[in-house]
Amino acid sequence: MKNYGVLKGSAVAYKRDDDQDPHSELLMSVDGESFRVAINVRSSRGPTQKRLVEYLILQDLNHPIVERARTLPEGWNPITGAPHETAAIDYIRSNLFRPKDLKPLIHTKPGPNNDLFERVEDLLQRAIKDQQAMVYAFGERWGPEASKKDQYFQFKPGNGVHLIHMNQGGAGDDGGRYRDGALLVDFQGSGTTNALFLKFQNQAWHTGGVRALPIAGAPEVPEIPIPETGPIEPWDVVSADSPTHLAAIISAMVNPLGTDRGNESVTLLNTSTETLDLSGWSLMDERERRQSLSGSVRPSEAITVTLTSGGLQLNNRGGTITLLDARDLKVDGVAYTAAQAAVEGRPVVFS
């Protein structure tokens, strides 16, 4: 990706672009400068019947990325530097949500509130109506195009942000790690942040390397052909053999009473039907520092892992915790904010 970052500003208007490559087009304004944000509602890749998008709209995102984005100035902000120090988004590594939370949805369909255009545009309408709302568009910038008017809103020079979706794990993706797109709307009056995440069905959940390409042999969901006529049946967006079904991080003692060293801990729950052998498994923090695991845990039982010095650390300013299996595939991941870690001696509980 040539120019990854986040555009911070106000939502002004939107238009529906319902051609062969449909988008919801959002007009944003920053100190009199106009930008267009192109939001995919259907994939442009492959046969038409295989272009359904998986989406998630969170109503209240509590994550360190929100706290970091709030400190940025309005306008276009290139994102460079270490992920744990920036607002860079990675659908796999940032632990913003769990894969099973995504749902497939057709981009347009007769009837009320039953297609992706409507779900996206409901969020955009609320952002436009709320004069205090601050929008964060994560993706790749284009422009300014000095001699070219914007084709939808007619402002000049043409200017905008696209790739407002996952940018790794699929054919044609080369975004790399921490280069995913998303749309966040910070409703400052209510203190809540809504977030839109979009993924194409051909994008894998397990990626590796600098370019974040699919890991060979990792579980994946086959592409589901969409019928040309008749109803579209939803599918499981996570494969039955995915390690995400095995265990969950349910709590962490981030800010213990007294000294952190030797008193921080992470609690894991076996969510499978089998006893889990944790040999070769590990916990990892946002800086990719690790602690190896061992032992076993029976179905529906939990195990609390006390963190030792020299491994991962739970930063009281917010961070992530990721659970990896013996193949180094992600099993689960959570994130916590500075506000959640502020109360000394109380564990952060994850749902």
Foldseek 3Di string as FASTA:
>chain_A
DPFWWKAKFAWADWDWDPDLFTWIWTWGDDPRDIAIETHGQWANDDDPQQTWKWKAKDWFFFFVLVVQVVVDDHGTDTDDDAPVNHSQDAPQQRQRDDQQRIWTFAQDDPDPPGGDVRVVVVVSVVRNVQPQKMKMWTAGKDDQPQVDADPPPRDPRHIYGYQQEHQEQAVPGQQFGRRHIWMWIQRPVVRGIMIMYMDRLRGANWADDRRRYHDPPADADPRDGHDPDDDGDIDRSGDPPHLLQFKEWFKWQQAAPDDLAQPTKTKMAGNDQAKDAQAQKWKAKSVRFIDGDGDIDHHRDMDMGGDHPPGDHRDLQKIKMFIAGNVRTTRHMHIHHNVQSVDYRDMRGDD
